[in-house]
Amino acid sequence: MGAHITYYPCISTDIDINFIDESRVSIYNRNDQKSYLIGHAEYVILSNSNGIKSIEDLSRLTSKYTQEQIEKLIINFKNMGFINSDDEKQRKKKNF
């Protein structure tokens, strides 16, 4: 198993989202000025990464991905600039 995400992922405000069709979404990152194509299932995860939902919450939104796959997806989104970095507006998980 890889590293576990210890924060609530939060979508970046530095991206523009455009729907190509029912199955593809274009994401433009204003910081690196690159465009990316993602699928609808990935968009559902990204758009619900609001800084309030945990990885567990996000994994309940789709049956396409396991919790481990969603963690990897969030890490990829973060590397592409779609998710704020840990030190930007991230809320650390509380241990109850």
N, C-alpha and C. Protein backbone atom coordinates (compact mmCIF):
# COMPACT_ATOMS: atom_id res chain seq x y z
N MET A 1 0.83 -1.19 0.00
CA MET A 1 0.00 0.00 0.00
C MET A 1 0.87 1.24 0.00
N GLY A 2 0.39 2.27 -0.66
CA GLY A 2 1.12 3.52 -0.72
C GLY A 2 0.77 4.41 0.45
N ALA A 3 1.23 5.63 0.35
CA ALA A 3 0.96 6.61 1.40
C ALA A 3 -0.52 6.95 1.42
N HIS A 4 -1.05 7.12 2.62
CA HIS A 4 -2.45 7.49 2.75
C HIS A 4 -2.59 9.00 2.81
N ILE A 5 -3.62 9.50 2.18
CA ILE A 5 -3.89 10.94 2.19
C ILE A 5 -4.43 11.29 3.57
N THR A 6 -3.83 12.29 4.19
CA THR A 6 -4.19 12.67 5.56
C THR A 6 -4.87 14.02 5.61
N TYR A 7 -5.47 14.44 4.51
CA TYR A 7 -6.17 15.71 4.47
C TYR A 7 -7.44 15.54 3.64
N TYR A 8 -8.30 16.52 3.71
CA TYR A 8 -9.52 16.53 2.91
C TYR A 8 -9.19 17.26 1.61
N PRO A 9 -9.18 16.57 0.47
CA PRO A 9 -8.79 17.20 -0.79
C PRO A 9 -9.73 18.36 -1.15
N CYS A 10 -9.13 19.43 -1.68
CA CYS A 10 -9.90 20.62 -2.04
C CYS A 10 -9.51 21.07 -3.45
N ILE A 11 -10.49 21.15 -4.33
CA ILE A 11 -10.26 21.52 -5.72
C ILE A 11 -9.63 22.92 -5.80
N SER A 12 -8.72 23.08 -6.72
CA SER A 12 -8.02 24.35 -6.91
C SER A 12 -8.94 25.37 -7.57
N THR A 13 -8.76 26.61 -7.22
CA THR A 13 -9.49 27.70 -7.88
C THR A 13 -8.75 28.19 -9.12
N ASP A 14 -7.61 27.57 -9.43
CA ASP A 14 -6.79 27.98 -10.57
C ASP A 14 -7.02 27.11 -11.80
N ILE A 15 -8.18 26.44 -11.85
CA ILE A 15 -8.49 25.62 -13.02
C ILE A 15 -9.81 26.07 -13.63
N ASP A 16 -9.91 25.87 -14.93
CA ASP A 16 -11.16 26.10 -15.65
C ASP A 16 -11.66 24.75 -16.14
N ILE A 17 -12.96 24.51 -15.99
CA ILE A 17 -13.57 23.24 -16.36
C ILE A 17 -14.54 23.46 -17.51
N ASN A 18 -14.37 22.66 -18.57
CA ASN A 18 -15.25 22.72 -19.73
C ASN A 18 -15.68 21.31 -20.11
N PHE A 19 -16.97 21.14 -20.33
CA PHE A 19 -17.50 19.83 -20.71
C PHE A 19 -17.40 19.66 -22.22
N ILE A 20 -16.72 18.60 -22.65
CA ILE A 20 -16.58 18.29 -24.07
C ILE A 20 -17.83 17.56 -24.55
N ASP A 21 -18.20 16.51 -23.84
CA ASP A 21 -19.42 15.75 -24.11
C ASP A 21 -19.78 15.03 -22.81
N GLU A 22 -20.67 14.05 -22.88
CA GLU A 22 -21.13 13.38 -21.67
C GLU A 22 -20.06 12.56 -20.97
N SER A 23 -19.00 12.21 -21.68
CA SER A 23 -17.99 11.34 -21.08
C SER A 23 -16.62 11.98 -20.91
N ARG A 24 -16.44 13.21 -21.42
CA ARG A 24 -15.11 13.84 -21.33
C ARG A 24 -15.24 15.28 -20.83
N VAL A 25 -14.25 15.65 -20.00
CA VAL A 25 -14.20 16.98 -19.43
C VAL A 25 -12.79 17.53 -19.64
N SER A 26 -12.71 18.77 -20.08
CA SER A 26 -11.42 19.44 -20.27
C SER A 26 -11.13 20.29 -19.03
N ILE A 27 -9.92 20.13 -18.51
CA ILE A 27 -9.48 20.92 -17.37
C ILE A 27 -8.28 21.75 -17.82
N TYR A 28 -8.39 23.07 -17.68
CA TYR A 28 -7.29 23.97 -18.03
C TYR A 28 -6.70 24.51 -16.73
N ASN A 29 -5.41 24.27 -16.54
CA ASN A 29 -4.70 24.77 -15.37
C ASN A 29 -4.07 26.11 -15.73
N ARG A 30 -4.56 27.17 -15.13
CA ARG A 30 -4.06 28.52 -15.44
C ARG A 30 -2.62 28.72 -14.98
N ASN A 31 -2.17 27.95 -13.99
CA ASN A 31 -0.80 28.11 -13.50
C ASN A 31 0.24 27.60 -14.49
N ASP A 32 0.03 26.39 -15.02
CA ASP A 32 1.00 25.86 -15.98
C ASP A 32 0.55 26.00 -17.43
N GLN A 33 -0.65 26.57 -17.62
CA GLN A 33 -1.22 26.84 -18.93
C GLN A 33 -1.31 25.57 -19.79
N LYS A 34 -1.69 24.46 -19.14
CA LYS A 34 -1.87 23.20 -19.84
C LYS A 34 -3.32 22.76 -19.72
N SER A 35 -3.78 22.05 -20.74
CA SER A 35 -5.12 21.47 -20.73
C SER A 35 -5.01 19.96 -20.58
N TYR A 36 -5.97 19.40 -19.89
CA TYR A 36 -6.01 17.97 -19.64
C TYR A 36 -7.43 17.48 -19.92
N LEU A 37 -7.56 16.24 -20.37
CA LEU A 37 -8.86 15.60 -20.54
C LEU A 37 -9.03 14.54 -19.47
N ILE A 38 -10.18 14.54 -18.82
CA ILE A 38 -10.49 13.50 -17.85
C ILE A 38 -11.89 12.96 -18.18
N GLY A 39 -12.18 11.80 -17.66
CA GLY A 39 -13.48 11.18 -17.87
C GLY A 39 -14.51 11.70 -16.87
N HIS A 40 -15.75 11.35 -17.11
CA HIS A 40 -16.84 11.82 -16.24
C HIS A 40 -16.68 11.30 -14.80
N ALA A 41 -16.30 10.03 -14.64
CA ALA A 41 -16.13 9.47 -13.29
C ALA A 41 -15.04 10.21 -12.52
N GLU A 42 -13.96 10.57 -13.22
CA GLU A 42 -12.88 11.33 -12.58
C GLU A 42 -13.35 12.73 -12.23
N TYR A 43 -14.17 13.32 -13.11
CA TYR A 43 -14.72 14.65 -12.84
C TYR A 43 -15.60 14.63 -11.59
N VAL A 44 -16.38 13.59 -11.40
CA VAL A 44 -17.24 13.48 -10.22
C VAL A 44 -16.38 13.53 -8.96
N ILE A 45 -15.27 12.81 -8.96
CA ILE A 45 -14.37 12.82 -7.80
C ILE A 45 -13.76 14.21 -7.62
N LEU A 46 -13.25 14.79 -8.70
CA LEU A 46 -12.63 16.11 -8.62
C LEU A 46 -13.62 17.16 -8.14
N SER A 47 -14.80 17.20 -8.72
CA SER A 47 -15.77 18.24 -8.38
C SER A 47 -16.30 18.12 -6.96
N ASN A 48 -16.23 16.93 -6.40
CA ASN A 48 -16.66 16.73 -5.02
C ASN A 48 -15.53 16.86 -4.01
N SER A 49 -14.34 17.16 -4.49
CA SER A 49 -13.19 17.39 -3.61
C SER A 49 -13.27 18.84 -3.13
N ASN A 50 -14.08 19.05 -2.12
CA ASN A 50 -14.41 20.40 -1.69
C ASN A 50 -13.79 20.81 -0.36
N GLY A 51 -12.86 20.00 0.12
CA GLY A 51 -12.23 20.32 1.40
C GLY A 51 -13.05 19.86 2.59
N ILE A 52 -14.22 19.30 2.34
CA ILE A 52 -15.09 18.81 3.41
C ILE A 52 -15.19 17.29 3.38
N LYS A 53 -15.14 16.72 2.18
CA LYS A 53 -15.29 15.27 2.03
C LYS A 53 -13.93 14.57 2.17
N SER A 54 -13.95 13.48 2.90
CA SER A 54 -12.76 12.65 3.06
C SER A 54 -12.62 11.70 1.87
N ILE A 55 -11.52 10.99 1.81
CA ILE A 55 -11.33 9.98 0.77
C ILE A 55 -12.43 8.92 0.88
N GLU A 56 -12.79 8.57 2.11
CA GLU A 56 -13.87 7.60 2.32
C GLU A 56 -15.18 8.11 1.73
N ASP A 57 -15.47 9.39 1.96
CA ASP A 57 -16.69 9.99 1.40
C ASP A 57 -16.65 9.96 -0.13
N LEU A 58 -15.51 10.31 -0.70
CA LEU A 58 -15.37 10.34 -2.16
C LEU A 58 -15.54 8.94 -2.75
N SER A 59 -15.06 7.93 -2.04
CA SER A 59 -15.14 6.57 -2.57
C SER A 59 -16.58 6.07 -2.62
N ARG A 60 -17.47 6.68 -1.87
CA ARG A 60 -18.88 6.29 -1.89
C ARG A 60 -19.62 6.87 -3.09
N LEU A 61 -19.00 7.80 -3.80
CA LEU A 61 -19.66 8.47 -4.93
C LEU A 61 -19.65 7.65 -6.21
N THR A 62 -18.76 6.70 -6.31
CA THR A 62 -18.65 5.92 -7.54
C THR A 62 -18.27 4.48 -7.23
N SER A 63 -18.77 3.60 -8.02
CA SER A 63 -18.38 2.19 -7.87
C SER A 63 -17.23 1.85 -8.81
N LYS A 64 -16.82 2.83 -9.61
CA LYS A 64 -15.75 2.59 -10.59
C LYS A 64 -14.38 2.44 -9.93
N TYR A 65 -14.17 3.12 -8.81
CA TYR A 65 -12.86 3.14 -8.15
C TYR A 65 -12.94 2.66 -6.72
N THR A 66 -11.88 1.97 -6.29
CA THR A 66 -11.73 1.61 -4.89
C THR A 66 -11.19 2.83 -4.14
N GLN A 67 -11.20 2.75 -2.83
CA GLN A 67 -10.66 3.85 -2.02
C GLN A 67 -9.18 4.07 -2.33
N GLU A 68 -8.43 2.99 -2.50
CA GLU A 68 -7.00 3.10 -2.82
C GLU A 68 -6.81 3.78 -4.18
N GLN A 69 -7.64 3.43 -5.16
CA GLN A 69 -7.55 4.06 -6.48
C GLN A 69 -7.90 5.54 -6.42
N ILE A 70 -8.85 5.89 -5.58
CA ILE A 70 -9.22 7.31 -5.43
C ILE A 70 -8.08 8.08 -4.79
N GLU A 71 -7.40 7.48 -3.83
CA GLU A 71 -6.22 8.14 -3.24
C GLU A 71 -5.18 8.42 -4.32
N LYS A 72 -4.93 7.44 -5.18
CA LYS A 72 -3.96 7.63 -6.27
C LYS A 72 -4.44 8.70 -7.25
N LEU A 73 -5.73 8.70 -7.52
CA LEU A 73 -6.30 9.71 -8.41
C LEU A 73 -6.14 11.11 -7.82
N ILE A 74 -6.40 11.26 -6.54
CA ILE A 74 -6.24 12.55 -5.87
C ILE A 74 -4.78 13.00 -5.92
N ILE A 75 -3.86 12.07 -5.73
CA ILE A 75 -2.42 12.41 -5.82
C ILE A 75 -2.09 12.88 -7.23
N ASN A 76 -2.62 12.19 -8.25
CA ASN A 76 -2.40 12.63 -9.63
C ASN A 76 -3.01 13.99 -9.88
N PHE A 77 -4.23 14.21 -9.39
CA PHE A 77 -4.86 15.52 -9.53
C PHE A 77 -4.02 16.61 -8.87
N LYS A 78 -3.49 16.30 -7.70
CA LYS A 78 -2.65 17.27 -6.99
C LYS A 78 -1.39 17.58 -7.80
N ASN A 79 -0.77 16.56 -8.38
CA ASN A 79 0.44 16.75 -9.19
C ASN A 79 0.16 17.57 -10.45
N MET A 80 -1.08 17.50 -10.96
CA MET A 80 -1.45 18.28 -12.14
C MET A 80 -1.97 19.67 -11.77
N GLY A 81 -2.06 19.96 -10.47
CA GLY A 81 -2.50 21.27 -10.03
C GLY A 81 -4.01 21.43 -9.91
N PHE A 82 -4.75 20.31 -9.92
CA PHE A 82 -6.21 20.37 -9.80
C PHE A 82 -6.66 20.45 -8.35
N ILE A 83 -5.80 20.01 -7.44
CA ILE A 83 -6.09 19.98 -6.01
C ILE A 83 -5.06 20.87 -5.32
N ASN A 84 -5.52 21.66 -4.36
CA ASN A 84 -4.60 22.50 -3.60
C ASN A 84 -3.57 21.65 -2.89
N SER A 85 -2.37 22.18 -2.72
CA SER A 85 -1.33 21.44 -2.01
C SER A 85 -1.66 21.39 -0.53
N ASP A 86 -0.97 20.52 0.20
CA ASP A 86 -1.25 20.30 1.62
C ASP A 86 -1.26 21.58 2.43
N ASP A 87 -0.39 22.52 2.11
CA ASP A 87 -0.29 23.73 2.90
C ASP A 87 -1.22 24.84 2.43
N GLU A 88 -2.00 24.59 1.39
CA GLU A 88 -2.95 25.58 0.90
C GLU A 88 -4.37 25.14 1.19
N LYS A 89 -4.98 25.76 2.17
CA LYS A 89 -6.40 25.56 2.45
C LYS A 89 -6.77 24.11 2.73
N GLN A 90 -5.84 23.33 3.24
CA GLN A 90 -6.16 21.93 3.54
C GLN A 90 -6.54 21.82 5.02
N ARG A 91 -7.55 21.06 5.27
CA ARG A 91 -7.99 20.80 6.63
C ARG A 91 -7.48 19.42 7.03
N LYS A 92 -6.68 19.38 8.07
CA LYS A 92 -6.15 18.10 8.51
C LYS A 92 -7.28 17.24 9.09
N LYS A 93 -7.19 15.96 8.86
CA LYS A 93 -8.18 15.04 9.41
C LYS A 93 -8.11 15.06 10.93
N LYS A 94 -9.26 15.00 11.52
CA LYS A 94 -9.34 14.93 12.99
C LYS A 94 -9.48 13.47 13.38
N ASN A 95 -8.76 13.10 14.38
CA ASN A 95 -8.86 11.73 14.88
C ASN A 95 -9.87 11.71 16.03
N PHE A 96 -10.93 10.98 15.82
CA PHE A 96 -11.98 10.88 16.84
C PHE A 96 -11.91 9.54 17.50
